[in-house]
Amino acid sequence: MIKGVIFDMDGLMFDTERIWATLWKPALATLGLPYKEGLDSAARGSAGDSMRAVLRRFYGPDCDTDAIMDALHAQAETAFQAPPPKKPGLDELIAYLEAQHIPMVVASSSRMASILRHLNNWNMTSHFKALISGEQFSASKPDPEIFLTAAKALGTIPAETLVLEDSYNGVRAGARGGFVTVMVPDLAPADDEMRRLYTAECKDLREVKKMLEEGKLLSEA
């Protein structure tokens, strides 16, 4: 039985990943650096030291990772002044979970300021028991710490907690933590590695709601 739900945010709740993908090039340009192919997909779903490791892989061990990350978020301040669209089925899923008295948290690799901006723009903050940001941790997804912290906020154990994710790193984190992990693909399609890790794959959040209603999401931990 699912007793709590953990939502990723970017690409899962809101259609933001396509926008983030366009921000790397201008952000890097402010530092006199070129965009290198594959950076966006490699960094997707990461934060903190995990993102720093990605940046060092692309730009060398001596690159100023904090300056690059700050430049990226400076671009985001402008890009996200208008609320990005909600992903299909988000409102319906939240309404269903509230009707079932199943608590929810958001656990995102994004900075807390970004989480609050998106949720407040849609007046959605009150739906969630806690908001957890990747900047709170030295290691981000695929490390499961952010989800384990979210489960503590929910008061649930991983085997009874649903993790909803769109990124490879998020799916890896959910699986490593022993959570019921569902992938709702956005920019990254499911592949054979992910299929070995997740509990189920849903095309959108409406399908997640349907599977919950039908009792199909059970822990395999």
N, C-alpha and C. Protein backbone atom coordinates (compact mmCIF):
# COMPACT_ATOMS: atom_id res chain seq x y z
N MET A 1 0.84 -1.20 0.00
CA MET A 1 0.00 0.00 0.00
C MET A 1 0.88 1.25 0.00
N ILE A 2 0.56 2.19 -0.84
CA ILE A 2 1.30 3.44 -0.91
C ILE A 2 0.80 4.38 0.19
N LYS A 3 1.71 4.83 1.05
CA LYS A 3 1.34 5.69 2.18
C LYS A 3 1.88 7.10 2.05
N GLY A 4 2.69 7.36 1.02
CA GLY A 4 3.23 8.70 0.79
C GLY A 4 3.79 8.77 -0.62
N VAL A 5 3.82 9.99 -1.16
CA VAL A 5 4.30 10.18 -2.53
C VAL A 5 5.34 11.30 -2.57
N ILE A 6 6.44 11.03 -3.25
CA ILE A 6 7.52 12.00 -3.44
C ILE A 6 7.53 12.42 -4.90
N PHE A 7 7.36 13.71 -5.13
CA PHE A 7 7.38 14.27 -6.48
C PHE A 7 8.74 14.89 -6.77
N ASP A 8 9.37 14.51 -7.87
CA ASP A 8 10.40 15.34 -8.46
C ASP A 8 9.66 16.56 -9.02
N MET A 9 10.40 17.60 -9.44
CA MET A 9 9.71 18.78 -9.95
C MET A 9 9.96 19.02 -11.44
N ASP A 10 11.21 19.33 -11.82
CA ASP A 10 11.50 19.69 -13.21
C ASP A 10 11.28 18.51 -14.13
N GLY A 11 10.42 18.70 -15.12
CA GLY A 11 10.14 17.65 -16.09
C GLY A 11 9.10 16.65 -15.63
N LEU A 12 8.76 16.68 -14.34
CA LEU A 12 7.75 15.77 -13.79
C LEU A 12 6.48 16.53 -13.46
N MET A 13 6.61 17.63 -12.71
CA MET A 13 5.46 18.46 -12.38
C MET A 13 5.24 19.58 -13.39
N PHE A 14 6.36 20.15 -13.85
CA PHE A 14 6.30 21.29 -14.75
C PHE A 14 7.17 21.05 -15.98
N ASP A 15 6.77 21.63 -17.09
CA ASP A 15 7.49 21.44 -18.35
C ASP A 15 8.66 22.43 -18.42
N THR A 16 9.67 22.16 -17.59
CA THR A 16 10.80 23.09 -17.45
C THR A 16 12.08 22.60 -18.12
N GLU A 17 12.21 21.30 -18.30
CA GLU A 17 13.49 20.76 -18.77
C GLU A 17 13.86 21.31 -20.15
N ARG A 18 12.88 21.52 -21.00
CA ARG A 18 13.16 22.07 -22.33
C ARG A 18 13.72 23.48 -22.23
N ILE A 19 13.26 24.21 -21.23
CA ILE A 19 13.78 25.57 -21.03
C ILE A 19 15.19 25.52 -20.46
N TRP A 20 15.40 24.69 -19.44
CA TRP A 20 16.75 24.55 -18.87
C TRP A 20 17.76 24.19 -19.96
N ALA A 21 17.36 23.36 -20.90
CA ALA A 21 18.30 22.93 -21.96
C ALA A 21 18.79 24.09 -22.80
N THR A 22 17.98 25.14 -22.90
CA THR A 22 18.37 26.30 -23.72
C THR A 22 19.24 27.29 -22.94
N LEU A 23 19.37 27.11 -21.64
CA LEU A 23 20.05 28.10 -20.81
C LEU A 23 21.55 27.88 -20.68
N TRP A 24 22.01 26.66 -20.97
CA TRP A 24 23.43 26.37 -20.80
C TRP A 24 24.30 27.23 -21.72
N LYS A 25 23.94 27.32 -22.97
CA LYS A 25 24.78 28.04 -23.93
C LYS A 25 24.96 29.50 -23.55
N PRO A 26 23.88 30.28 -23.30
CA PRO A 26 24.09 31.67 -22.91
C PRO A 26 24.77 31.82 -21.55
N ALA A 27 24.52 30.89 -20.63
CA ALA A 27 25.17 30.96 -19.32
C ALA A 27 26.68 30.78 -19.46
N LEU A 28 27.08 29.80 -20.22
CA LEU A 28 28.51 29.54 -20.44
C LEU A 28 29.16 30.69 -21.20
N ALA A 29 28.41 31.28 -22.13
CA ALA A 29 28.95 32.39 -22.92
C ALA A 29 29.33 33.57 -22.04
N THR A 30 28.59 33.80 -20.95
CA THR A 30 28.93 34.91 -20.06
C THR A 30 30.27 34.69 -19.39
N LEU A 31 30.75 33.46 -19.38
CA LEU A 31 32.05 33.13 -18.78
C LEU A 31 33.11 32.85 -19.84
N GLY A 32 32.74 33.08 -21.11
CA GLY A 32 33.69 32.85 -22.20
C GLY A 32 33.92 31.38 -22.50
N LEU A 33 32.94 30.56 -22.18
CA LEU A 33 33.07 29.12 -22.41
C LEU A 33 32.08 28.66 -23.47
N PRO A 34 32.46 27.66 -24.27
CA PRO A 34 31.52 27.12 -25.26
C PRO A 34 30.62 26.06 -24.64
N TYR A 35 29.45 25.89 -25.23
CA TYR A 35 28.61 24.77 -24.82
C TYR A 35 29.15 23.50 -25.46
N LYS A 36 29.27 22.43 -24.67
CA LYS A 36 29.75 21.16 -25.19
C LYS A 36 28.60 20.18 -25.27
N GLU A 37 28.48 19.55 -26.42
CA GLU A 37 27.36 18.65 -26.70
C GLU A 37 27.25 17.56 -25.63
N GLY A 38 26.07 17.36 -25.14
CA GLY A 38 25.82 16.31 -24.16
C GLY A 38 25.80 16.81 -22.72
N LEU A 39 26.20 18.07 -22.50
CA LEU A 39 26.25 18.60 -21.13
C LEU A 39 24.87 18.60 -20.49
N ASP A 40 23.87 19.07 -21.23
CA ASP A 40 22.53 19.17 -20.66
C ASP A 40 22.04 17.82 -20.16
N SER A 41 22.15 16.79 -20.98
CA SER A 41 21.63 15.48 -20.58
C SER A 41 22.47 14.88 -19.44
N ALA A 42 23.76 15.15 -19.43
CA ALA A 42 24.63 14.63 -18.37
C ALA A 42 24.33 15.28 -17.02
N ALA A 43 23.96 16.56 -17.05
CA ALA A 43 23.72 17.31 -15.82
C ALA A 43 22.28 17.20 -15.34
N ARG A 44 21.38 16.73 -16.18
CA ARG A 44 19.96 16.71 -15.84
C ARG A 44 19.70 15.88 -14.59
N GLY A 45 18.97 16.46 -13.64
CA GLY A 45 18.64 15.74 -12.42
C GLY A 45 19.71 15.78 -11.36
N SER A 46 20.80 16.53 -11.59
CA SER A 46 21.88 16.58 -10.61
C SER A 46 21.97 17.97 -9.99
N ALA A 47 22.71 18.05 -8.89
CA ALA A 47 22.94 19.33 -8.21
C ALA A 47 24.16 19.15 -7.33
N GLY A 48 24.62 20.24 -6.73
CA GLY A 48 25.72 20.15 -5.77
C GLY A 48 26.95 19.49 -6.35
N ASP A 49 27.56 18.61 -5.55
CA ASP A 49 28.80 17.96 -5.96
C ASP A 49 28.61 17.06 -7.17
N SER A 50 27.41 16.51 -7.33
CA SER A 50 27.16 15.67 -8.49
C SER A 50 27.24 16.50 -9.78
N MET A 51 26.66 17.71 -9.77
CA MET A 51 26.76 18.57 -10.94
C MET A 51 28.18 19.09 -11.12
N ARG A 52 28.86 19.37 -10.02
CA ARG A 52 30.26 19.82 -10.13
C ARG A 52 31.11 18.76 -10.82
N ALA A 53 30.85 17.50 -10.50
CA ALA A 53 31.60 16.42 -11.12
C ALA A 53 31.34 16.36 -12.63
N VAL A 54 30.09 16.59 -13.03
CA VAL A 54 29.75 16.62 -14.45
C VAL A 54 30.48 17.77 -15.14
N LEU A 55 30.46 18.94 -14.54
CA LEU A 55 31.11 20.11 -15.15
C LEU A 55 32.61 19.91 -15.27
N ARG A 56 33.23 19.28 -14.29
CA ARG A 56 34.68 19.02 -14.36
C ARG A 56 34.98 18.02 -15.48
N ARG A 57 34.06 17.09 -15.70
CA ARG A 57 34.26 16.12 -16.77
C ARG A 57 34.25 16.80 -18.14
N PHE A 58 33.43 17.83 -18.27
CA PHE A 58 33.29 18.52 -19.55
C PHE A 58 34.31 19.65 -19.72
N TYR A 59 34.67 20.32 -18.60
CA TYR A 59 35.48 21.54 -18.73
C TYR A 59 36.80 21.48 -17.96
N GLY A 60 37.13 20.30 -17.47
CA GLY A 60 38.43 20.12 -16.84
C GLY A 60 38.38 20.29 -15.33
N PRO A 61 39.36 19.71 -14.63
CA PRO A 61 39.33 19.70 -13.17
C PRO A 61 39.48 21.07 -12.52
N ASP A 62 39.98 22.03 -13.26
CA ASP A 62 40.21 23.35 -12.68
C ASP A 62 39.14 24.38 -13.04
N CYS A 63 38.07 23.96 -13.70
CA CYS A 63 37.02 24.91 -14.07
C CYS A 63 36.31 25.42 -12.81
N ASP A 64 35.78 26.62 -12.89
CA ASP A 64 35.08 27.22 -11.76
C ASP A 64 33.63 26.76 -11.79
N THR A 65 33.38 25.63 -11.15
CA THR A 65 32.05 25.02 -11.21
C THR A 65 30.98 25.90 -10.59
N ASP A 66 31.31 26.56 -9.50
CA ASP A 66 30.31 27.41 -8.85
C ASP A 66 29.92 28.59 -9.73
N ALA A 67 30.91 29.15 -10.44
CA ALA A 67 30.61 30.26 -11.35
C ALA A 67 29.69 29.81 -12.48
N ILE A 68 29.92 28.61 -13.00
CA ILE A 68 29.07 28.08 -14.07
C ILE A 68 27.65 27.86 -13.57
N MET A 69 27.52 27.27 -12.39
CA MET A 69 26.19 27.01 -11.84
C MET A 69 25.46 28.31 -11.53
N ASP A 70 26.18 29.29 -11.00
CA ASP A 70 25.55 30.59 -10.72
C ASP A 70 25.10 31.27 -12.01
N ALA A 71 25.92 31.14 -13.06
CA ALA A 71 25.55 31.74 -14.35
C ALA A 71 24.31 31.08 -14.92
N LEU A 72 24.21 29.77 -14.75
CA LEU A 72 23.02 29.05 -15.23
C LEU A 72 21.77 29.53 -14.51
N HIS A 73 21.86 29.67 -13.19
CA HIS A 73 20.69 30.09 -12.43
C HIS A 73 20.36 31.56 -12.67
N ALA A 74 21.35 32.35 -13.01
CA ALA A 74 21.07 33.74 -13.38
C ALA A 74 20.22 33.80 -14.65
N GLN A 75 20.53 32.93 -15.60
CA GLN A 75 19.71 32.84 -16.80
C GLN A 75 18.29 32.37 -16.47
N ALA A 76 18.18 31.46 -15.51
CA ALA A 76 16.88 30.93 -15.14
C ALA A 76 15.99 31.99 -14.51
N GLU A 77 16.59 32.94 -13.80
CA GLU A 77 15.81 33.99 -13.16
C GLU A 77 14.95 34.73 -14.20
N THR A 78 15.54 34.96 -15.36
CA THR A 78 14.80 35.63 -16.43
C THR A 78 13.86 34.67 -17.16
N ALA A 79 14.38 33.49 -17.46
CA ALA A 79 13.61 32.53 -18.27
C ALA A 79 12.32 32.09 -17.59
N PHE A 80 12.33 32.01 -16.25
CA PHE A 80 11.17 31.48 -15.53
C PHE A 80 10.32 32.55 -14.86
N GLN A 81 10.42 33.78 -15.36
CA GLN A 81 9.53 34.82 -14.82
C GLN A 81 8.07 34.48 -15.13
N ALA A 82 7.83 33.89 -16.28
CA ALA A 82 6.50 33.39 -16.60
C ALA A 82 6.41 31.94 -16.14
N PRO A 83 5.32 31.56 -15.47
CA PRO A 83 5.21 30.18 -14.98
C PRO A 83 5.25 29.16 -16.13
N PRO A 84 6.09 28.13 -16.04
CA PRO A 84 6.07 27.09 -17.06
C PRO A 84 4.80 26.25 -16.94
N PRO A 85 4.38 25.61 -18.02
CA PRO A 85 3.14 24.81 -17.96
C PRO A 85 3.26 23.63 -17.01
N LYS A 86 2.11 23.29 -16.41
CA LYS A 86 2.05 22.06 -15.62
C LYS A 86 2.06 20.86 -16.57
N LYS A 87 2.60 19.76 -16.09
CA LYS A 87 2.56 18.53 -16.88
C LYS A 87 1.15 17.93 -16.82
N PRO A 88 0.72 17.27 -17.89
CA PRO A 88 -0.64 16.71 -17.93
C PRO A 88 -0.93 15.78 -16.76
N GLY A 89 -2.08 15.99 -16.13
CA GLY A 89 -2.52 15.12 -15.05
C GLY A 89 -2.05 15.52 -13.67
N LEU A 90 -1.24 16.58 -13.55
CA LEU A 90 -0.71 16.96 -12.24
C LEU A 90 -1.83 17.31 -11.26
N ASP A 91 -2.73 18.18 -11.67
CA ASP A 91 -3.81 18.59 -10.77
C ASP A 91 -4.69 17.42 -10.37
N GLU A 92 -5.00 16.56 -11.34
CA GLU A 92 -5.86 15.42 -11.06
C GLU A 92 -5.20 14.46 -10.07
N LEU A 93 -3.89 14.22 -10.23
CA LEU A 93 -3.19 13.31 -9.33
C LEU A 93 -3.14 13.88 -7.91
N ILE A 94 -2.83 15.16 -7.80
CA ILE A 94 -2.77 15.77 -6.47
C ILE A 94 -4.14 15.73 -5.79
N ALA A 95 -5.19 16.02 -6.55
CA ALA A 95 -6.54 15.97 -5.98
C ALA A 95 -6.89 14.57 -5.50
N TYR A 96 -6.50 13.56 -6.27
CA TYR A 96 -6.76 12.17 -5.89
C TYR A 96 -6.03 11.82 -4.60
N LEU A 97 -4.75 12.17 -4.53
CA LEU A 97 -3.95 11.84 -3.34
C LEU A 97 -4.50 12.54 -2.10
N GLU A 98 -4.92 13.78 -2.25
CA GLU A 98 -5.49 14.48 -1.11
C GLU A 98 -6.81 13.84 -0.68
N ALA A 99 -7.60 13.40 -1.63
CA ALA A 99 -8.87 12.74 -1.28
C ALA A 99 -8.63 11.42 -0.54
N GLN A 100 -7.50 10.79 -0.85
CA GLN A 100 -7.15 9.53 -0.19
C GLN A 100 -6.33 9.75 1.08
N HIS A 101 -6.08 11.01 1.41
CA HIS A 101 -5.29 11.37 2.61
C HIS A 101 -3.88 10.79 2.56
N ILE A 102 -3.31 10.80 1.36
CA ILE A 102 -1.93 10.35 1.17
C ILE A 102 -1.04 11.59 1.10
N PRO A 103 -0.12 11.76 2.05
CA PRO A 103 0.71 12.97 2.07
C PRO A 103 1.73 12.98 0.95
N MET A 104 2.12 14.20 0.56
CA MET A 104 3.05 14.39 -0.55
C MET A 104 4.17 15.34 -0.16
N VAL A 105 5.34 15.14 -0.75
CA VAL A 105 6.44 16.10 -0.64
C VAL A 105 7.02 16.31 -2.04
N VAL A 106 7.71 17.43 -2.20
CA VAL A 106 8.52 17.66 -3.40
C VAL A 106 9.97 17.49 -3.01
N ALA A 107 10.70 16.68 -3.75
CA ALA A 107 12.13 16.48 -3.52
C ALA A 107 12.83 16.67 -4.86
N SER A 108 13.38 17.86 -5.06
CA SER A 108 13.94 18.25 -6.35
C SER A 108 15.41 18.61 -6.24
N SER A 109 16.16 18.33 -7.29
CA SER A 109 17.56 18.74 -7.32
C SER A 109 17.72 20.25 -7.44
N SER A 110 16.66 20.93 -7.82
CA SER A 110 16.72 22.38 -7.99
C SER A 110 16.94 23.09 -6.67
N ARG A 111 17.34 24.36 -6.77
CA ARG A 111 17.50 25.20 -5.59
C ARG A 111 16.13 25.50 -5.00
N MET A 112 16.12 25.74 -3.68
CA MET A 112 14.84 25.99 -3.01
C MET A 112 14.12 27.20 -3.59
N ALA A 113 14.88 28.23 -3.98
CA ALA A 113 14.25 29.41 -4.57
C ALA A 113 13.47 29.05 -5.83
N SER A 114 14.01 28.12 -6.61
CA SER A 114 13.34 27.69 -7.84
C SER A 114 12.10 26.87 -7.52
N ILE A 115 12.20 25.98 -6.54
CA ILE A 115 11.04 25.18 -6.13
C ILE A 115 9.90 26.09 -5.68
N LEU A 116 10.23 27.04 -4.82
CA LEU A 116 9.20 27.95 -4.30
C LEU A 116 8.61 28.80 -5.41
N ARG A 117 9.44 29.26 -6.35
CA ARG A 117 8.94 30.09 -7.44
C ARG A 117 7.87 29.34 -8.24
N HIS A 118 8.20 28.12 -8.65
CA HIS A 118 7.27 27.38 -9.50
C HIS A 118 5.99 27.02 -8.75
N LEU A 119 6.12 26.54 -7.51
CA LEU A 119 4.93 26.16 -6.76
C LEU A 119 4.07 27.38 -6.41
N ASN A 120 4.71 28.46 -6.00
CA ASN A 120 3.95 29.66 -5.64
C ASN A 120 3.26 30.28 -6.85
N ASN A 121 3.91 30.20 -8.01
CA ASN A 121 3.29 30.75 -9.22
C ASN A 121 1.95 30.08 -9.52
N TRP A 122 1.84 28.81 -9.14
CA TRP A 122 0.60 28.08 -9.37
C TRP A 122 -0.21 27.87 -8.09
N ASN A 123 0.19 28.54 -7.00
CA ASN A 123 -0.52 28.41 -5.71
C ASN A 123 -0.65 26.95 -5.28
N MET A 124 0.47 26.22 -5.37
CA MET A 124 0.44 24.78 -5.09
C MET A 124 1.21 24.39 -3.83
N THR A 125 1.88 25.33 -3.19
CA THR A 125 2.76 25.00 -2.07
C THR A 125 2.03 24.28 -0.95
N SER A 126 0.81 24.66 -0.68
CA SER A 126 0.07 24.12 0.47
C SER A 126 -0.28 22.64 0.32
N HIS A 127 -0.15 22.11 -0.87
CA HIS A 127 -0.48 20.69 -1.08
C HIS A 127 0.57 19.76 -0.48
N PHE A 128 1.75 20.27 -0.18
CA PHE A 128 2.88 19.41 0.16
C PHE A 128 3.29 19.54 1.61
N LYS A 129 3.58 18.41 2.21
CA LYS A 129 3.98 18.36 3.61
C LYS A 129 5.36 18.95 3.83
N ALA A 130 6.22 18.85 2.81
CA ALA A 130 7.57 19.40 2.90
C ALA A 130 8.10 19.65 1.50
N LEU A 131 9.04 20.58 1.41
CA LEU A 131 9.76 20.86 0.18
C LEU A 131 11.24 20.64 0.46
N ILE A 132 11.87 19.80 -0.35
CA ILE A 132 13.26 19.42 -0.11
C ILE A 132 14.06 19.71 -1.36
N SER A 133 15.17 20.41 -1.19
CA SER A 133 16.01 20.85 -2.30
C SER A 133 17.33 20.11 -2.34
N GLY A 134 17.82 19.88 -3.53
CA GLY A 134 19.11 19.23 -3.69
C GLY A 134 20.25 20.03 -3.10
N GLU A 135 20.07 21.34 -2.95
CA GLU A 135 21.15 22.16 -2.39
C GLU A 135 21.35 21.90 -0.90
N GLN A 136 20.46 21.13 -0.27
CA GLN A 136 20.61 20.76 1.12
C GLN A 136 21.61 19.63 1.32
N PHE A 137 22.04 19.01 0.22
CA PHE A 137 22.88 17.82 0.33
C PHE A 137 24.16 18.00 -0.48
N SER A 138 25.25 17.39 -0.03
CA SER A 138 26.50 17.48 -0.79
C SER A 138 26.44 16.58 -2.01
N ALA A 139 25.77 15.45 -1.90
CA ALA A 139 25.60 14.53 -3.03
C ALA A 139 24.14 14.54 -3.45
N SER A 140 23.89 14.68 -4.75
CA SER A 140 22.50 14.69 -5.23
C SER A 140 22.20 13.37 -5.93
N LYS A 141 20.98 13.27 -6.47
CA LYS A 141 20.61 12.09 -7.24
C LYS A 141 21.72 11.78 -8.25
N PRO A 142 22.14 10.55 -8.39
CA PRO A 142 21.50 9.28 -8.00
C PRO A 142 21.70 8.82 -6.56
N ASP A 143 22.37 9.61 -5.72
CA ASP A 143 22.40 9.30 -4.29
C ASP A 143 20.97 9.38 -3.75
N PRO A 144 20.53 8.39 -2.95
CA PRO A 144 19.14 8.38 -2.51
C PRO A 144 18.85 9.26 -1.29
N GLU A 145 19.85 9.98 -0.78
CA GLU A 145 19.67 10.71 0.48
C GLU A 145 18.49 11.67 0.45
N ILE A 146 18.30 12.36 -0.67
CA ILE A 146 17.20 13.32 -0.75
C ILE A 146 15.85 12.63 -0.60
N PHE A 147 15.71 11.43 -1.16
CA PHE A 147 14.45 10.70 -1.05
C PHE A 147 14.29 10.10 0.35
N LEU A 148 15.37 9.66 0.95
CA LEU A 148 15.29 9.13 2.31
C LEU A 148 14.89 10.23 3.29
N THR A 149 15.41 11.43 3.06
CA THR A 149 15.00 12.58 3.88
C THR A 149 13.53 12.90 3.66
N ALA A 150 13.09 12.81 2.41
CA ALA A 150 11.67 13.06 2.09
C ALA A 150 10.77 12.04 2.79
N ALA A 151 11.19 10.78 2.81
CA ALA A 151 10.38 9.75 3.47
C ALA A 151 10.25 10.03 4.96
N LYS A 152 11.32 10.53 5.58
CA LYS A 152 11.24 10.89 7.00
C LYS A 152 10.23 12.01 7.20
N ALA A 153 10.21 12.97 6.28
CA ALA A 153 9.24 14.07 6.38
C ALA A 153 7.80 13.54 6.24
N LEU A 154 7.63 12.51 5.42
CA LEU A 154 6.32 11.90 5.23
C LEU A 154 5.94 10.98 6.39
N GLY A 155 6.95 10.46 7.09
CA GLY A 155 6.69 9.47 8.13
C GLY A 155 6.43 8.09 7.56
N THR A 156 7.05 7.80 6.42
CA THR A 156 6.83 6.51 5.75
C THR A 156 8.16 5.79 5.54
N ILE A 157 8.07 4.50 5.25
CA ILE A 157 9.25 3.74 4.89
C ILE A 157 9.33 3.66 3.36
N PRO A 158 10.53 3.47 2.79
CA PRO A 158 10.66 3.47 1.33
C PRO A 158 9.75 2.48 0.62
N ALA A 159 9.58 1.28 1.16
CA ALA A 159 8.78 0.26 0.49
C ALA A 159 7.32 0.64 0.37
N GLU A 160 6.87 1.65 1.13
CA GLU A 160 5.48 2.11 1.07
C GLU A 160 5.39 3.54 0.54
N THR A 161 6.46 3.98 -0.12
CA THR A 161 6.53 5.36 -0.60
C THR A 161 6.78 5.37 -2.09
N LEU A 162 5.94 6.10 -2.82
CA LEU A 162 6.05 6.21 -4.26
C LEU A 162 6.93 7.39 -4.64
N VAL A 163 7.94 7.12 -5.44
CA VAL A 163 8.79 8.17 -6.02
C VAL A 163 8.41 8.34 -7.48
N LEU A 164 8.09 9.57 -7.87
CA LEU A 164 7.75 9.87 -9.27
C LEU A 164 8.89 10.66 -9.87
N GLU A 165 9.47 10.16 -10.95
CA GLU A 165 10.67 10.74 -11.55
C GLU A 165 10.63 10.69 -13.06
N ASP A 166 11.31 11.66 -13.69
CA ASP A 166 11.45 11.64 -15.14
C ASP A 166 12.89 11.44 -15.58
N SER A 167 13.86 11.64 -14.66
CA SER A 167 15.27 11.58 -15.05
C SER A 167 15.91 10.26 -14.69
N TYR A 168 16.98 9.91 -15.39
CA TYR A 168 17.73 8.69 -15.10
C TYR A 168 18.30 8.75 -13.68
N ASN A 169 18.89 9.89 -13.31
CA ASN A 169 19.47 10.00 -11.98
C ASN A 169 18.41 9.83 -10.90
N GLY A 170 17.22 10.37 -11.14
CA GLY A 170 16.14 10.23 -10.18
C GLY A 170 15.67 8.80 -10.03
N VAL A 171 15.55 8.09 -11.14
CA VAL A 171 15.15 6.68 -11.09
C VAL A 171 16.21 5.87 -10.35
N ARG A 172 17.46 6.14 -10.63
CA ARG A 172 18.54 5.43 -9.92
C ARG A 172 18.47 5.68 -8.42
N ALA A 173 18.20 6.94 -8.04
CA ALA A 173 18.11 7.27 -6.61
C ALA A 173 16.95 6.55 -5.96
N GLY A 174 15.80 6.53 -6.62
CA GLY A 174 14.65 5.84 -6.06
C GLY A 174 14.91 4.35 -5.87
N ALA A 175 15.51 3.74 -6.87
CA ALA A 175 15.79 2.31 -6.80
C ALA A 175 16.81 2.01 -5.70
N ARG A 176 17.85 2.83 -5.59
CA ARG A 176 18.88 2.60 -4.57
C ARG A 176 18.32 2.76 -3.16
N GLY A 177 17.31 3.61 -3.02
CA GLY A 177 16.71 3.82 -1.71
C GLY A 177 15.65 2.80 -1.34
N GLY A 178 15.30 1.91 -2.26
CA GLY A 178 14.29 0.90 -1.98
C GLY A 178 12.87 1.40 -2.11
N PHE A 179 12.65 2.47 -2.90
CA PHE A 179 11.33 3.05 -3.06
C PHE A 179 10.56 2.39 -4.20
N VAL A 180 9.25 2.54 -4.16
CA VAL A 180 8.40 2.19 -5.30
C VAL A 180 8.61 3.31 -6.32
N THR A 181 9.34 3.02 -7.37
CA THR A 181 9.81 4.07 -8.29
C THR A 181 9.11 3.97 -9.63
N VAL A 182 8.47 5.07 -10.01
CA VAL A 182 7.79 5.12 -11.30
C VAL A 182 8.47 6.19 -12.16
N MET A 183 8.81 5.81 -13.38
CA MET A 183 9.38 6.76 -14.33
C MET A 183 8.27 7.28 -15.24
N VAL A 184 8.20 8.61 -15.30
CA VAL A 184 7.30 9.28 -16.23
C VAL A 184 8.20 10.04 -17.20
N PRO A 185 8.61 9.43 -18.30
CA PRO A 185 9.65 10.02 -19.16
C PRO A 185 9.28 11.39 -19.69
N ASP A 186 10.28 12.27 -19.74
CA ASP A 186 10.12 13.59 -20.33
C ASP A 186 11.09 13.69 -21.49
N LEU A 187 12.23 14.31 -21.31
CA LEU A 187 13.22 14.40 -22.39
C LEU A 187 14.03 13.12 -22.53
N ALA A 188 14.18 12.39 -21.44
CA ALA A 188 14.97 11.16 -21.47
C ALA A 188 14.05 9.95 -21.56
N PRO A 189 14.07 9.22 -22.66
CA PRO A 189 13.21 8.04 -22.78
C PRO A 189 13.72 6.90 -21.90
N ALA A 190 12.81 6.05 -21.49
CA ALA A 190 13.22 4.89 -20.71
C ALA A 190 14.11 3.99 -21.57
N ASP A 191 15.11 3.39 -20.93
CA ASP A 191 15.97 2.44 -21.64
C ASP A 191 16.05 1.15 -20.83
N ASP A 192 16.85 0.21 -21.31
CA ASP A 192 16.90 -1.10 -20.66
C ASP A 192 17.40 -1.02 -19.23
N GLU A 193 18.38 -0.13 -18.97
CA GLU A 193 18.88 0.02 -17.60
C GLU A 193 17.75 0.50 -16.68
N MET A 194 17.00 1.51 -17.13
CA MET A 194 15.93 2.03 -16.29
C MET A 194 14.86 0.97 -16.06
N ARG A 195 14.55 0.19 -17.06
CA ARG A 195 13.50 -0.83 -16.92
C ARG A 195 13.89 -1.89 -15.89
N ARG A 196 15.18 -2.08 -15.67
CA ARG A 196 15.63 -3.02 -14.64
C ARG A 196 15.50 -2.41 -13.24
N LEU A 197 15.37 -1.08 -13.17
CA LEU A 197 15.38 -0.39 -11.89
C LEU A 197 14.00 0.01 -11.39
N TYR A 198 13.16 0.53 -12.29
CA TYR A 198 11.91 1.09 -11.79
C TYR A 198 10.83 0.04 -11.61
N THR A 199 9.83 0.41 -10.81
CA THR A 199 8.68 -0.47 -10.56
C THR A 199 7.73 -0.45 -11.75
N ALA A 200 7.55 0.73 -12.35
CA ALA A 200 6.63 0.87 -13.48
C ALA A 200 7.01 2.11 -14.28
N GLU A 201 6.49 2.16 -15.51
CA GLU A 201 6.66 3.33 -16.38
C GLU A 201 5.27 3.83 -16.77
N CYS A 202 5.05 5.13 -16.66
CA CYS A 202 3.77 5.72 -17.04
C CYS A 202 4.02 6.83 -18.05
N LYS A 203 3.14 6.96 -19.03
CA LYS A 203 3.34 7.97 -20.07
C LYS A 203 3.09 9.37 -19.54
N ASP A 204 2.23 9.50 -18.50
CA ASP A 204 1.98 10.80 -17.89
C ASP A 204 1.40 10.59 -16.50
N LEU A 205 1.11 11.69 -15.79
CA LEU A 205 0.63 11.60 -14.41
C LEU A 205 -0.81 11.09 -14.33
N ARG A 206 -1.56 11.21 -15.41
CA ARG A 206 -2.90 10.64 -15.43
C ARG A 206 -2.83 9.12 -15.31
N GLU A 207 -1.83 8.55 -15.96
CA GLU A 207 -1.66 7.10 -15.89
C GLU A 207 -1.20 6.67 -14.50
N VAL A 208 -0.38 7.50 -13.83
CA VAL A 208 0.00 7.21 -12.45
C VAL A 208 -1.25 7.14 -11.58
N LYS A 209 -2.13 8.11 -11.72
CA LYS A 209 -3.39 8.13 -10.95
C LYS A 209 -4.19 6.87 -11.21
N LYS A 210 -4.30 6.48 -12.46
CA LYS A 210 -5.07 5.28 -12.79
C LYS A 210 -4.47 4.03 -12.15
N MET A 211 -3.14 3.92 -12.16
CA MET A 211 -2.50 2.76 -11.56
C MET A 211 -2.71 2.74 -10.05
N LEU A 212 -2.68 3.90 -9.43
CA LEU A 212 -2.95 3.96 -7.99
C LEU A 212 -4.39 3.55 -7.69
N GLU A 213 -5.32 4.04 -8.49
CA GLU A 213 -6.73 3.69 -8.30
C GLU A 213 -6.95 2.19 -8.44
N GLU A 214 -6.20 1.56 -9.32
CA GLU A 214 -6.36 0.13 -9.59
C GLU A 214 -5.49 -0.73 -8.69
N GLY A 215 -4.72 -0.09 -7.79
CA GLY A 215 -3.88 -0.83 -6.86
C GLY A 215 -2.72 -1.57 -7.50
N LYS A 216 -2.22 -1.03 -8.61
CA LYS A 216 -1.18 -1.74 -9.37
C LYS A 216 0.24 -1.39 -8.94
N LEU A 217 0.40 -0.36 -8.12
CA LEU A 217 1.74 0.05 -7.71
C LEU A 217 2.06 -0.55 -6.35
N LEU A 218 2.79 -1.63 -6.38
CA LEU A 218 3.20 -2.33 -5.18
C LEU A 218 4.71 -2.40 -5.11
N SER A 219 5.25 -2.42 -3.92
CA SER A 219 6.70 -2.43 -3.76
C SER A 219 7.27 -3.78 -4.20
N GLU A 220 8.42 -3.70 -4.86
CA GLU A 220 9.16 -4.91 -5.22
C GLU A 220 10.44 -5.00 -4.39
N ALA A 221 10.55 -4.12 -3.38
CA ALA A 221 11.76 -4.10 -2.55
C ALA A 221 11.81 -5.34 -1.68
